[in-house]
PDB file of N, CA and C in Angstrom:
ATOM      1  N   MET A   1     160.374  80.176 106.267  1.00  0.00           N
ATOM      2  CA  MET A   1     158.819  80.901 106.547  1.00  0.00           C
ATOM      3  C   MET A   1     158.385  80.962 105.282  1.00  0.00           C
ATOM      4  N   ARG A   2     156.721  80.890 105.898  1.00  0.00           N
ATOM      5  CA  ARG A   2     155.870  80.896 104.550  1.00  0.00           C
ATOM      6  C   ARG A   2     155.387  82.391 104.741  1.00  0.00           C
ATOM      7  N   GLN A   3     155.184  83.357 103.663  1.00  0.00           N
ATOM      8  CA  GLN A   3     154.416  84.458 103.891  1.00  0.00           C
ATOM      9  C   GLN A   3     152.805  84.087 104.090  1.00  0.00           C
ATOM     10  N   SER A   4     151.949  85.133 104.418  1.00  0.00           N
ATOM     11  CA  SER A   4     150.790  85.109 104.207  1.00  0.00           C
ATOM     12  C   SER A   4     150.315  86.112 103.111  1.00  0.00           C
ATOM     13  N   PRO A   5     149.422  85.215 102.189  1.00  0.00           N
ATOM     14  CA  PRO A   5     149.088  86.226 101.256  1.00  0.00           C
ATOM     15  C   PRO A   5     148.588  86.833 100.881  1.00  0.00           C
ATOM     16  N   ASN A   6     148.694  88.413 102.320  1.00  0.00           N
ATOM     17  CA  ASN A   6     148.111  89.677 102.075  1.00  0.00           C
ATOM     18  C   ASN A   6     149.442  89.955 102.354  1.00  0.00           C
ATOM     19  N   SER A   7     151.223  89.217 102.323  1.00  0.00           N
ATOM     20  CA  SER A   7     152.405  90.242 102.738  1.00  0.00           C
ATOM     21  C   SER A   7     152.794  90.690 101.595  1.00  0.00           C
ATOM     22  N   PHE A   8     152.687  89.665 100.845  1.00  0.00           N
ATOM     23  CA  PHE A   8     152.985  90.699  99.482  1.00  0.00           C
ATOM     24  C   PHE A   8     152.652  92.109  99.006  1.00  0.00           C
ATOM     25  N   GLN A   9     151.036  92.227  99.297  1.00  0.00           N
ATOM     26  CA  GLN A   9     150.280  93.793  99.123  1.00  0.00           C
ATOM     27  C   GLN A   9     150.831  94.780 100.171  1.00  0.00           C
ATOM     28  N   ASP A  10     150.803  94.247 101.412  1.00  0.00           N
ATOM     29  CA  ASP A  10     151.467  94.776 102.692  1.00  0.00           C
ATOM     30  C   ASP A  10     152.410  95.304 101.999  1.00  0.00           C
ATOM     31  N   THR A  11     153.744  94.523 101.899  1.00  0.00           N
ATOM     32  CA  THR A  11     154.791  94.647 101.277  1.00  0.00           C
ATOM     33  C   THR A  11     154.730  95.935 100.415  1.00  0.00           C
ATOM     34  N   GLN A  12     154.253  96.146  99.148  1.00  0.00           N
ATOM     35  CA  GLN A  12     154.069  96.503  98.146  1.00  0.00           C
ATOM     36  C   GLN A  12     153.388  98.288  98.513  1.00  0.00           C
ATOM     37  N   GLN A  13     152.314  98.323  99.645  1.00  0.00           N
ATOM     38  CA  GLN A  13     151.791  99.678  99.968  1.00  0.00           C
ATOM     39  C   GLN A  13     153.014 100.212 100.749  1.00  0.00           C
ATOM     40  N   LYS A  14     153.901  99.544 101.852  1.00  0.00           N
ATOM     41  CA  LYS A  14     155.004 100.143 102.122  1.00  0.00           C
ATOM     42  C   LYS A  14     155.962 100.952 102.076  1.00  0.00           C
ATOM     43  N   ARG A  15     155.882 100.568 100.452  1.00  0.00           N
ATOM     44  CA  ARG A  15     156.797 100.327 100.036  1.00  0.00           C
ATOM     45  C   ARG A  15     157.182 102.418  99.366  1.00  0.00           C
ATOM     46  N   LYS A  16     157.709 103.377  99.211  1.00  0.00           N
ATOM     47  CA  LYS A  16     158.060 104.535  98.938  1.00  0.00           C
ATOM     48  C   LYS A  16     158.186 104.507  97.388  1.00  0.00           C
ATOM     49  N   LYS A  17     157.693 105.066  96.852  1.00  0.00           N
ATOM     50  CA  LYS A  17     158.004 105.427  95.757  1.00  0.00           C
ATOM     51  C   LYS A  17     158.831 106.466  94.971  1.00  0.00           C
ATOM     52  N   VAL A  18     159.781 106.493  94.189  1.00  0.00           N
ATOM     53  CA  VAL A  18     160.783 107.623  93.517  1.00  0.00           C
ATOM     54  C   VAL A  18     160.780 107.545  92.830  1.00  0.00           C
ATOM     55  N   LEU A  19     160.710 108.560  91.463  1.00  0.00           N
ATOM     56  CA  LEU A  19     161.038 109.060  90.762  1.00  0.00           C
ATOM     57  C   LEU A  19     162.234 109.751  90.552  1.00  0.00           C
ATOM     58  N   ILE A  20     162.930 109.432  89.937  1.00  0.00           N
ATOM     59  CA  ILE A  20     164.279 110.144  89.114  1.00  0.00           C
ATOM     60  C   ILE A  20     163.922 111.256  87.722  1.00  0.00           C
ATOM     61  N   ALA A  21     164.168 112.035  88.406  1.00  0.00           N
ATOM     62  CA  ALA A  21     164.084 112.377  86.724  1.00  0.00           C
ATOM     63  C   ALA A  21     166.043 112.440  85.917  1.00  0.00           C
ATOM     64  N   GLU A  22     165.463 111.839  85.221  1.00  0.00           N
ATOM     65  CA  GLU A  22     166.772 111.148  84.229  1.00  0.00           C
ATOM     66  C   GLU A  22     168.016 112.662  83.416  1.00  0.00           C
ATOM     67  N   SER A  23     169.011 112.585  84.120  1.00  0.00           N
ATOM     68  CA  SER A  23     169.509 113.844  83.561  1.00  0.00           C
ATOM     69  C   SER A  23     170.883 112.851  83.155  1.00  0.00           C
ATOM     70  N   GLU A  24     171.734 112.737  83.987  1.00  0.00           N
ATOM     71  CA  GLU A  24     172.649 111.950  83.985  1.00  0.00           C
ATOM     72  C   GLU A  24     172.524 110.033  83.536  1.00  0.00           C
ATOM     73  N   ARG A  25     172.647 109.103  82.346  1.00  0.00           N
ATOM     74  CA  ARG A  25     172.234 107.947  82.654  1.00  0.00           C
ATOM     75  C   ARG A  25     172.973 107.093  83.794  1.00  0.00           C
ATOM     76  N   VAL A  26     174.237 107.365  83.912  1.00  0.00           N
ATOM     77  CA  VAL A  26     174.903 106.324  84.710  1.00  0.00           C
ATOM     78  C   VAL A  26     173.970 106.620  85.954  1.00  0.00           C
ATOM     79  N   LEU A  27     174.437 108.058  86.091  1.00  0.00           N
ATOM     80  CA  LEU A  27     174.176 108.551  87.884  1.00  0.00           C
ATOM     81  C   LEU A  27     172.435 107.324  87.809  1.00  0.00           C
ATOM     82  N   THR A  28     171.419 107.735  86.686  1.00  0.00           N
ATOM     83  CA  THR A  28     170.040 107.323  87.567  1.00  0.00           C
ATOM     84  C   THR A  28     170.331 105.757  87.519  1.00  0.00           C
ATOM     85  N   ALA A  29     171.156 105.212  86.548  1.00  0.00           N
ATOM     86  CA  ALA A  29     171.533 103.570  86.452  1.00  0.00           C
ATOM     87  C   ALA A  29     171.601 103.155  88.219  1.00  0.00           C
ATOM     88  N   GLY A  30     172.787 104.216  88.495  1.00  0.00           N
ATOM     89  CA  GLY A  30     173.543 103.878  89.720  1.00  0.00           C
ATOM     90  C   GLY A  30     172.474 104.000  90.993  1.00  0.00           C
ATOM     91  N   LEU A  31     171.685 105.535  90.780  1.00  0.00           N
ATOM     92  CA  LEU A  31     170.537 105.736  92.150  1.00  0.00           C
ATOM     93  C   LEU A  31     169.498 104.329  91.827  1.00  0.00           C
ATOM     94  N   HIS A  32     168.948 103.990  90.639  1.00  0.00           N
ATOM     95  CA  HIS A  32     167.971 103.164  90.921  1.00  0.00           C
ATOM     96  C   HIS A  32     168.025 101.816  91.038  1.00  0.00           C
ATOM     97  N   SER A  33     169.430 101.418  91.019  1.00  0.00           N
ATOM     98  CA  SER A  33     170.012 100.009  91.004  1.00  0.00           C
ATOM     99  C   SER A  33     170.106  99.748  93.107  1.00  0.00           C
ATOM    100  N   LEU A  34     170.836 101.161  93.625  1.00  0.00           N
ATOM    101  CA  LEU A  34     170.911 101.060  94.758  1.00  0.00           C
ATOM    102  C   LEU A  34     169.740 101.403  95.858  1.00  0.00           C
ATOM    103  N   LEU A  35     168.745 102.131  95.163  1.00  0.00           N
ATOM    104  CA  LEU A  35     167.377 102.040  95.442  1.00  0.00           C
ATOM    105  C   LEU A  35     166.193 101.065  95.848  1.00  0.00           C
ATOM    106  N   VAL A  36     166.269 100.411  94.239  1.00  0.00           N
ATOM    107  CA  VAL A  36     165.877  99.003  94.183  1.00  0.00           C
ATOM    108  C   VAL A  36     166.400  98.172  95.444  1.00  0.00           C
ATOM    109  N   ALA A  37     167.771  97.971  95.210  1.00  0.00           N
ATOM    110  CA  ALA A  37     168.250  96.981  96.216  1.00  0.00           C
ATOM    111  C   ALA A  37     167.865  96.580  97.861  1.00  0.00           C
ATOM    112  N   GLN A  38     167.656  98.341  98.095  1.00  0.00           N
ATOM    113  CA  GLN A  38     167.170  98.263  99.389  1.00  0.00           C
ATOM    114  C   GLN A  38     165.449  97.412 100.189  1.00  0.00           C
ATOM    115  N   GLY A  39     164.953  97.214  98.611  1.00  0.00           N
ATOM    116  CA  GLY A  39     163.554  96.158  98.764  1.00  0.00           C
ATOM    117  C   GLY A  39     162.934  97.137  99.152  1.00  0.00           C
ATOM    118  N   ASN A  40     162.507  98.449  99.435  1.00  0.00           N
ATOM    119  CA  ASN A  40     161.492  99.086 100.190  1.00  0.00           C
ATOM    120  C   ASN A  40     161.353 100.376  99.481  1.00  0.00           C
ATOM    121  N   PHE A  41     161.547 100.509  98.202  1.00  0.00           N
ATOM    122  CA  PHE A  41     161.533 101.175  97.212  1.00  0.00           C
ATOM    123  C   PHE A  41     160.867 100.881  95.685  1.00  0.00           C
ATOM    124  N   GLU A  42     160.405 101.643  95.330  1.00  0.00           N
ATOM    125  CA  GLU A  42     159.509 101.388  93.693  1.00  0.00           C
ATOM    126  C   GLU A  42     159.808 102.327  93.010  1.00  0.00           C
ATOM    127  N   VAL A  43     160.729 102.522  92.450  1.00  0.00           N
ATOM    128  CA  VAL A  43     161.866 103.086  91.572  1.00  0.00           C
ATOM    129  C   VAL A  43     161.308 103.339  90.281  1.00  0.00           C
ATOM    130  N   ARG A  44     161.187 104.311  89.275  1.00  0.00           N
ATOM    131  CA  ARG A  44     160.607 105.400  88.287  1.00  0.00           C
ATOM    132  C   ARG A  44     161.915 106.179  87.745  1.00  0.00           C
ATOM    133  N   GLY A  45     162.094 106.139  86.548  1.00  0.00           N
ATOM    134  CA  GLY A  45     163.447 107.039  85.739  1.00  0.00           C
ATOM    135  C   GLY A  45     162.012 107.486  84.647  1.00  0.00           C
ATOM    136  N   VAL A  46     162.629 109.003  84.635  1.00  0.00           N
ATOM    137  CA  VAL A  46     161.663 109.649  83.284  1.00  0.00           C
ATOM    138  C   VAL A  46     162.299 110.540  82.228  1.00  0.00           C
ATOM    139  N   SER A  47     162.532 110.946  81.718  1.00  0.00           N
ATOM    140  CA  SER A  47     163.654 111.718  81.227  1.00  0.00           C
ATOM    141  C   SER A  47     163.651 113.111  81.394  1.00  0.00           C
ATOM    142  N   CYS A  48     164.334 114.226  81.794  1.00  0.00           N
ATOM    143  CA  CYS A  48     163.990 115.277  82.049  1.00  0.00           C
ATOM    144  C   CYS A  48     164.121 116.151  80.717  1.00  0.00           C
ATOM    145  N   ASP A  49     164.524 115.829  79.845  1.00  0.00           N
ATOM    146  CA  ASP A  49     164.669 116.469  78.368  1.00  0.00           C
ATOM    147  C   ASP A  49     163.103 117.052  77.848  1.00  0.00           C
ATOM    148  N   HIS A  50     162.100 116.569  78.448  1.00  0.00           N
ATOM    149  CA  HIS A  50     161.192 116.746  77.994  1.00  0.00           C
ATOM    150  C   HIS A  50     160.170 116.740  79.419  1.00  0.00           C
ATOM    151  N   ILE A  51     159.454 118.579  79.629  1.00  0.00           N
ATOM    152  CA  ILE A  51     159.056 118.566  80.717  1.00  0.00           C
ATOM    153  C   ILE A  51     157.605 118.058  80.812  1.00  0.00           C
ATOM    154  N   ASP A  52     156.898 118.219  79.688  1.00  0.00           N
ATOM    155  CA  ASP A  52     155.421 117.219  79.535  1.00  0.00           C
ATOM    156  C   ASP A  52     155.693 115.709  79.754  1.00  0.00           C
ATOM    157  N   GLU A  53     156.274 115.121  79.958  1.00  0.00           N
ATOM    158  CA  GLU A  53     156.757 113.601  79.935  1.00  0.00           C
ATOM    159  C   GLU A  53     157.024 113.492  81.601  1.00  0.00           C
ATOM    160  N   PHE A  54     157.863 114.806  81.935  1.00  0.00           N
ATOM    161  CA  PHE A  54     158.031 114.420  83.634  1.00  0.00           C
ATOM    162  C   PHE A  54     157.074 115.008  84.240  1.00  0.00           C
ATOM    163  N   ILE A  55     156.283 115.763  84.033  1.00  0.00           N
ATOM    164  CA  ILE A  55     154.983 116.366  84.621  1.00  0.00           C
ATOM    165  C   ILE A  55     153.808 114.936  84.984  1.00  0.00           C
ATOM    166  N   ARG A  56     153.384 114.370  83.270  1.00  0.00           N
ATOM    167  CA  ARG A  56     152.795 112.939  82.875  1.00  0.00           C
ATOM    168  C   ARG A  56     153.513 111.891  84.069  1.00  0.00           C
ATOM    169  N   ALA A  57     154.745 111.656  84.392  1.00  0.00           N
ATOM    170  CA  ALA A  57     155.109 110.858  84.775  1.00  0.00           C
ATOM    171  C   ALA A  57     154.520 110.779  86.530  1.00  0.00           C
ATOM    172  N   VAL A  58     154.976 111.793  86.726  1.00  0.00           N
ATOM    173  CA  VAL A  58     154.348 112.361  88.250  1.00  0.00           C
ATOM    174  C   VAL A  58     153.333 112.508  88.433  1.00  0.00           C
ATOM    175  N   ARG A  59     152.083 112.831  87.950  1.00  0.00           N
ATOM    176  CA  ARG A  59     150.730 112.205  87.470  1.00  0.00           C
ATOM    177  C   ARG A  59     150.138 111.039  87.504  1.00  0.00           C
ATOM    178  N   THR A  60     150.598 110.263  87.341  1.00  0.00           N
ATOM    179  CA  THR A  60     150.325 108.993  87.008  1.00  0.00           C
ATOM    180  C   THR A  60     151.339 108.095  87.658  1.00  0.00           C
ATOM    181  N   PHE A  61     152.242 108.180  88.558  1.00  0.00           N
ATOM    182  CA  PHE A  61     153.327 107.326  89.346  1.00  0.00           C
ATOM    183  C   PHE A  61     152.819 107.814  90.668  1.00  0.00           C
ATOM    184  N   CYS A  62     152.486 108.840  91.352  1.00  0.00           N
ATOM    185  CA  CYS A  62     152.087 109.825  91.975  1.00  0.00           C
ATOM    186  C   CYS A  62     153.515 109.485  93.275  1.00  0.00           C
ATOM    187  N   PRO A  63     154.479 110.128  93.332  1.00  0.00           N
ATOM    188  CA  PRO A  63     155.795 109.635  93.852  1.00  0.00           C
ATOM    189  C   PRO A  63     155.223 110.397  95.109  1.00  0.00           C
ATOM    190  N   ASP A  64     156.349 109.568  96.141  1.00  0.00           N
ATOM    191  CA  ASP A  64     156.412 110.313  97.503  1.00  0.00           C
ATOM    192  C   ASP A  64     157.865 110.816  97.617  1.00  0.00           C
ATOM    193  N   VAL A  65     158.757 110.747  96.826  1.00  0.00           N
ATOM    194  CA  VAL A  65     159.952 111.399  96.244  1.00  0.00           C
ATOM    195  C   VAL A  65     160.500 111.378  94.767  1.00  0.00           C
ATOM    196  N   ILE A  66     161.012 112.675  94.507  1.00  0.00           N
ATOM    197  CA  ILE A  66     161.403 113.188  93.646  1.00  0.00           C
ATOM    198  C   ILE A  66     162.513 113.357  93.090  1.00  0.00           C
ATOM    199  N   ILE A  67     163.776 112.963  92.555  1.00  0.00           N
ATOM    200  CA  ILE A  67     165.049 113.029  92.531  1.00  0.00           C
ATOM    201  C   ILE A  67     165.327 113.431  91.642  1.00  0.00           C
ATOM    202  N   ALA A  68     166.057 114.827  91.817  1.00  0.00           N
ATOM    203  CA  ALA A  68     166.359 115.546  90.242  1.00  0.00           C
ATOM    204  C   ALA A  68     167.957 116.000  90.595  1.00  0.00           C
ATOM    205  N   GLU A  69     168.373 116.443  89.558  1.00  0.00           N
ATOM    206  CA  GLU A  69     169.706 116.890  89.522  1.00  0.00           C
ATOM    207  C   GLU A  69     169.410 118.539  89.514  1.00  0.00           C
ATOM    208  N   LYS A  70     170.487 119.491  89.930  1.00  0.00           N
ATOM    209  CA  LYS A  70     170.479 120.712  90.778  1.00  0.00           C
ATOM    210  C   LYS A  70     169.879 121.298  89.539  1.00  0.00           C
ATOM    211  N   SER A  71     170.385 121.353  88.346  1.00  0.00           N
ATOM    212  CA  SER A  71     170.220 122.381  87.205  1.00  0.00           C
ATOM    213  C   SER A  71     168.024 122.266  86.415  1.00  0.00           C
ATOM    214  N   PHE A  72     168.276 121.010  86.918  1.00  0.00           N
ATOM    215  CA  PHE A  72     166.666 120.045  86.726  1.00  0.00           C
ATOM    216  C   PHE A  72     165.748 121.136  87.764  1.00  0.00           C
ATOM    217  N   MET A  73     166.068 121.411  88.827  1.00  0.00           N
ATOM    218  CA  MET A  73     165.566 121.821  90.133  1.00  0.00           C
ATOM    219  C   MET A  73     164.855 123.218  89.254  1.00  0.00           C
ATOM    220  N   LEU A  74     166.162 123.446  89.369  1.00  0.00           N
ATOM    221  CA  LEU A  74     166.108 125.522  89.240  1.00  0.00           C
ATOM    222  C   LEU A  74     165.761 125.639  88.326  1.00  0.00           C
ATOM    223  N   THR A  75     166.023 124.780  86.896  1.00  0.00           N
ATOM    224  CA  THR A  75     165.179 125.857  85.129  1.00  0.00           C
ATOM    225  C   THR A  75     163.737 125.281  85.979  1.00  0.00           C
ATOM    226  N   ASN A  76     163.350 124.102  86.238  1.00  0.00           N
ATOM    227  CA  ASN A  76     161.515 123.881  86.834  1.00  0.00           C
ATOM    228  C   ASN A  76     161.282 124.229  88.160  1.00  0.00           C
ATOM    229  N   LEU A  77     161.539 125.341  88.654  1.00  0.00           N
ATOM    230  CA  LEU A  77     161.464 125.371  90.098  1.00  0.00           C
ATOM    231  C   LEU A  77     160.101 125.764  89.796  1.00  0.00           C
ATOM    232  N   ALA A  78     159.222 126.875  89.372  1.00  0.00           N
ATOM    233  CA  ALA A  78     157.949 126.809  89.214  1.00  0.00           C
ATOM    234  C   ALA A  78     156.555 125.648  89.289  1.00  0.00           C
ATOM    235  N   ILE A  79     157.045 124.777  88.193  1.00  0.00           N
ATOM    236  CA  ILE A  79     156.553 123.284  87.962  1.00  0.00           C
ATOM    237  C   ILE A  79     156.871 122.581  89.274  1.00  0.00           C
ATOM    238  N   LEU A  80     157.778 121.733  89.630  1.00  0.00           N
ATOM    239  CA  LEU A  80     158.021 121.431  90.909  1.00  0.00           C
ATOM    240  C   LEU A  80     157.435 122.400  92.413  1.00  0.00           C
ATOM    241  N   MET A  81     157.079 123.670  92.316  1.00  0.00           N
ATOM    242  CA  MET A  81     156.700 124.126  93.304  1.00  0.00           C
ATOM    243  C   MET A  81     155.028 123.634  92.907  1.00  0.00           C
ATOM    244  N   ASP A  82     154.384 123.979  91.786  1.00  0.00           N
ATOM    245  CA  ASP A  82     153.270 123.138  91.458  1.00  0.00           C
ATOM    246  C   ASP A  82     152.713 121.999  92.038  1.00  0.00           C
ATOM    247  N   ILE A  83     153.538 121.406  91.696  1.00  0.00           N
ATOM    248  CA  ILE A  83     153.470 119.534  91.805  1.00  0.00           C
ATOM    249  C   ILE A  83     153.162 119.443  93.228  1.00  0.00           C
ATOM    250  N   SER A  84     154.356 120.438  93.811  1.00  0.00           N
ATOM    251  CA  SER A  84     154.270 119.892  95.522  1.00  0.00           C
ATOM    252  C   SER A  84     152.655 120.487  96.506  1.00  0.00           C
ATOM    253  N   MET A  85     152.194 121.209  95.401  1.00  0.00           N
ATOM    254  CA  MET A  85     150.816 121.781  95.783  1.00  0.00           C
ATOM    255  C   MET A  85     149.657 120.441  96.352  1.00  0.00           C
ATOM    256  N   HIS A  86     149.529 119.990  95.147  1.00  0.00           N
ATOM    257  CA  HIS A  86     149.244 118.839  94.788  1.00  0.00           C
ATOM    258  C   HIS A  86     149.482 117.310  95.855  1.00  0.00           C
ATOM    259  N   TYR A  87     151.055 117.233  95.772  1.00  0.00           N
ATOM    260  CA  TYR A  87     151.452 116.026  96.779  1.00  0.00           C
ATOM    261  C   TYR A  87     151.551 116.978  98.077  1.00  0.00           C
ATOM    262  N   PRO A  88     150.901 116.519  99.254  1.00  0.00           N
ATOM    263  CA  PRO A  88     151.655 117.480 100.400  1.00  0.00           C
ATOM    264  C   PRO A  88     152.308 116.778 100.830  1.00  0.00           C
ATOM    265  N   ARG A  89     153.126 115.643 101.145  1.00  0.00           N
ATOM    266  CA  ARG A  89     153.916 114.921 101.216  1.00  0.00           C
ATOM    267  C   ARG A  89     155.183 114.380 100.780  1.00  0.00           C
ATOM    268  N   LEU A  90     154.888 115.051  99.357  1.00  0.00           N
ATOM    269  CA  LEU A  90     156.379 114.802  98.579  1.00  0.00           C
ATOM    270  C   LEU A  90     157.030 115.237  99.034  1.00  0.00           C
ATOM    271  N   ARG A  91     159.001 114.738  98.806  1.00  0.00           N
ATOM    272  CA  ARG A  91     159.975 115.459  99.085  1.00  0.00           C
ATOM    273  C   ARG A  91     160.881 115.421  97.890  1.00  0.00           C
ATOM    274  N   LEU A  92     161.595 116.168  97.864  1.00  0.00           N
ATOM    275  CA  LEU A  92     162.053 116.744  96.600  1.00  0.00           C
ATOM    276  C   LEU A  92     163.613 116.684  97.247  1.00  0.00           C
ATOM    277  N   VAL A  93     164.370 115.747  96.094  1.00  0.00           N
ATOM    278  CA  VAL A  93     166.165 115.730  96.599  1.00  0.00           C
ATOM    279  C   VAL A  93     166.535 116.136  95.191  1.00  0.00           C
ATOM    280  N   CYS A  94     167.197 116.524  95.656  1.00  0.00           N
ATOM    281  CA  CYS A  94     168.344 118.023  94.795  1.00  0.00           C
ATOM    282  C   CYS A  94     169.433 117.421  94.804  1.00  0.00           C
ATOM    283  N   LEU A  95     170.116 116.724  93.572  1.00  0.00           N
ATOM    284  CA  LEU A  95     171.732 116.048  93.335  1.00  0.00           C
ATOM    285  C   LEU A  95     172.514 117.295  92.691  1.00  0.00           C
ATOM    286  N   SER A  96     173.885 117.325  93.911  1.00  0.00           N
ATOM    287  CA  SER A  96     174.478 118.274  92.835  1.00  0.00           C
ATOM    288  C   SER A  96     175.448 117.683  92.110  1.00  0.00           C
ATOM    289  N   LEU A  97     175.928 117.335  90.858  1.00  0.00           N
ATOM    290  CA  LEU A  97     176.773 116.599  90.623  1.00  0.00           C
ATOM    291  C   LEU A  97     178.462 117.146  90.793  1.00  0.00           C
ATOM    292  N   ALA A  98     178.818 118.482  91.146  1.00  0.00           N
ATOM    293  CA  ALA A  98     179.635 119.407  91.516  1.00  0.00           C
ATOM    294  C   ALA A  98     180.411 118.400  92.982  1.00  0.00           C
ATOM    295  N   ASP A  99     179.861 118.798  93.688  1.00  0.00           N
ATOM    296  CA  ASP A  99     179.491 117.958  95.273  1.00  0.00           C
ATOM    297  C   ASP A  99     178.927 116.835  95.928  1.00  0.00           C
ATOM    298  N   ASN A 100     179.469 116.212  96.973  1.00  0.00           N
ATOM    299  CA  ASN A 100     178.664 115.523  97.318  1.00  0.00           C
ATOM    300  C   ASN A 100     177.520 115.855  98.484  1.00  0.00           C
ATOM    301  N   HIS A 101     176.508 116.756  97.953  1.00  0.00           N
ATOM    302  CA  HIS A 101     175.509 117.302  98.801  1.00  0.00           C
ATOM    303  C   HIS A 101     173.775 116.870  98.207  1.00  0.00           C
ATOM    304  N   LEU A 102     173.388 116.962  99.222  1.00  0.00           N
ATOM    305  CA  LEU A 102     172.129 116.684  98.586  1.00  0.00           C
ATOM    306  C   LEU A 102     170.840 117.489  98.986  1.00  0.00           C
ATOM    307  N   GLN A 103     169.988 118.313  98.606  1.00  0.00           N
ATOM    308  CA  GLN A 103     169.433 119.494  99.125  1.00  0.00           C
ATOM    309  C   GLN A 103     168.044 118.810  98.998  1.00  0.00           C
ATOM    310  N   VAL A 104     167.048 118.440 100.838  1.00  0.00           N
ATOM    311  CA  VAL A 104     166.123 117.467 100.333  1.00  0.00           C
ATOM    312  C   VAL A 104     164.828 118.653 101.068  1.00  0.00           C
ATOM    313  N   TYR A 105     164.218 119.088 100.541  1.00  0.00           N
ATOM    314  CA  TYR A 105     162.896 119.672 100.583  1.00  0.00           C
ATOM    315  C   TYR A 105     162.296 119.275 100.605  1.00  0.00           C
ATOM    316  N   GLU A 106     160.378 119.671 102.152  1.00  0.00           N
ATOM    317  CA  GLU A 106     159.808 118.691 102.028  1.00  0.00           C
ATOM    318  C   GLU A 106     158.736 119.813 102.823  1.00  0.00           C
ATOM    319  N   LYS A 107     157.626 119.653 102.349  1.00  0.00           N
ATOM    320  CA  LYS A 107     156.623 120.723 102.151  1.00  0.00           C
ATOM    321  C   LYS A 107     156.157 120.331 103.692  1.00  0.00           C
ATOM    322  N   ARG A 108     155.865 121.053 104.663  1.00  0.00           N
ATOM    323  CA  ARG A 108     154.983 121.238 105.428  1.00  0.00           C
ATOM    324  C   ARG A 108     153.599 122.346 105.649  1.00  0.00           C
ATOM    325  N   LEU A 109     152.432 121.111 106.331  1.00  0.00           N
ATOM    326  CA  LEU A 109     151.412 122.293 106.718  1.00  0.00           C
ATOM    327  C   LEU A 109     151.250 122.678 107.700  1.00  0.00           C
ATOM    328  N   VAL A 110     151.383 123.996 108.324  1.00  0.00           N
ATOM    329  CA  VAL A 110     151.091 124.642 109.623  1.00  0.00           C
ATOM    330  C   VAL A 110     149.979 125.212 109.500  1.00  0.00           C
ATOM    331  N   HIS A 111     148.618 124.660 110.120  1.00  0.00           N
ATOM    332  CA  HIS A 111     147.755 125.707 111.053  1.00  0.00           C
ATOM    333  C   HIS A 111     148.066 127.151 111.200  1.00  0.00           C
ATOM    334  N   VAL A 112     147.822 128.097 111.237  1.00  0.00           N
ATOM    335  CA  VAL A 112     147.884 129.060 112.108  1.00  0.00           C
ATOM    336  C   VAL A 112     146.713 129.741 113.045  1.00  0.00           C
ATOM    337  N   GLU A 113     146.349 129.901 114.073  1.00  0.00           N
ATOM    338  CA  GLU A 113     146.103 130.738 114.506  1.00  0.00           C
ATOM    339  C   GLU A 113     146.008 131.918 115.392  1.00  0.00           C
ATOM    340  N   ALA A 114     147.220 131.588 115.748  1.00  0.00           N
ATOM    341  CA  ALA A 114     147.925 133.348 116.142  1.00  0.00           C
ATOM    342  C   ALA A 114     149.197 133.666 116.380  1.00  0.00           C
ATOM    343  N   ASP A 115     149.365 135.142 116.118  1.00  0.00           N
ATOM    344  CA  ASP A 115     150.832 135.566 115.516  1.00  0.00           C
ATOM    345  C   ASP A 115     151.957 134.247 116.128  1.00  0.00           C
ATOM    346  N   THR A 116     151.664 133.897 117.826  1.00  0.00           N
ATOM    347  CA  THR A 116     152.752 132.857 118.575  1.00  0.00           C
ATOM    348  C   THR A 116     152.794 131.840 117.196  1.00  0.00           C
ATOM    349  N   ASP A 117     152.051 131.151 116.563  1.00  0.00           N
ATOM    350  CA  ASP A 117     152.269 130.178 115.788  1.00  0.00           C
ATOM    351  C   ASP A 117     152.778 130.224 114.016  1.00  0.00           C
ATOM    352  N   PHE A 118     152.429 131.701 113.904  1.00  0.00           N
ATOM    353  CA  PHE A 118     152.956 132.256 112.920  1.00  0.00           C
ATOM    354  C   PHE A 118     155.024 132.200 113.308  1.00  0.00           C
ATOM    355  N   PHE A 119     155.146 133.047 114.434  1.00  0.00           N
ATOM    356  CA  PHE A 119     156.658 133.182 114.636  1.00  0.00           C
ATOM    357  C   PHE A 119     157.064 131.506 114.954  1.00  0.00           C
ATOM    358  N   ALA A 120     156.488 130.599 115.484  1.00  0.00           N
ATOM    359  CA  ALA A 120     157.034 129.714 115.539  1.00  0.00           C
ATOM    360  C   ALA A 120     157.764 128.841 114.192  1.00  0.00           C
ATOM    361  N   VAL A 121     156.842 129.506 113.183  1.00  0.00           N
ATOM    362  CA  VAL A 121     157.694 129.093 111.877  1.00  0.00           C
ATOM    363  C   VAL A 121     158.721 129.730 111.647  1.00  0.00           C
ATOM    364  N   VAL A 122     158.475 130.443 111.601  1.00  0.00           N
ATOM    365  CA  VAL A 122     159.665 131.926 111.110  1.00  0.00           C
ATOM    366  C   VAL A 122     160.848 131.119 112.096  1.00  0.00           C
ATOM    367  N   SER A 123     160.896 131.669 113.122  1.00  0.00           N
ATOM    368  CA  SER A 123     161.925 131.409 113.930  1.00  0.00           C
ATOM    369  C   SER A 123     162.708 130.236 114.121  1.00  0.00           C
TER     370      SER A 123
END
């Protein structure tokens, strides 16, 4: 099957950008391979040893998803919250190496016009 000239560009535009904060090399390599094999993710890794390097990677890559180990998330919570303010659709995926759990944090903006709008969000 022959692809149209724009099909590569269309595929590139639909791919989610995933940034992996590297703490464990083997885990990072596995996640990278797993995501790339799916074909609809553009994946980059960045060392989480230097927070300035991580912030620079977020600014230049503009990820849709950040995947990081729990200890990195806890240590850098204020920075991650600040980053999420600039990327309204950012999803944070927190890995726990101690068990098979993921914690997923997605930002949602809600316009509140009345107290019922507020109660709907809280309940």
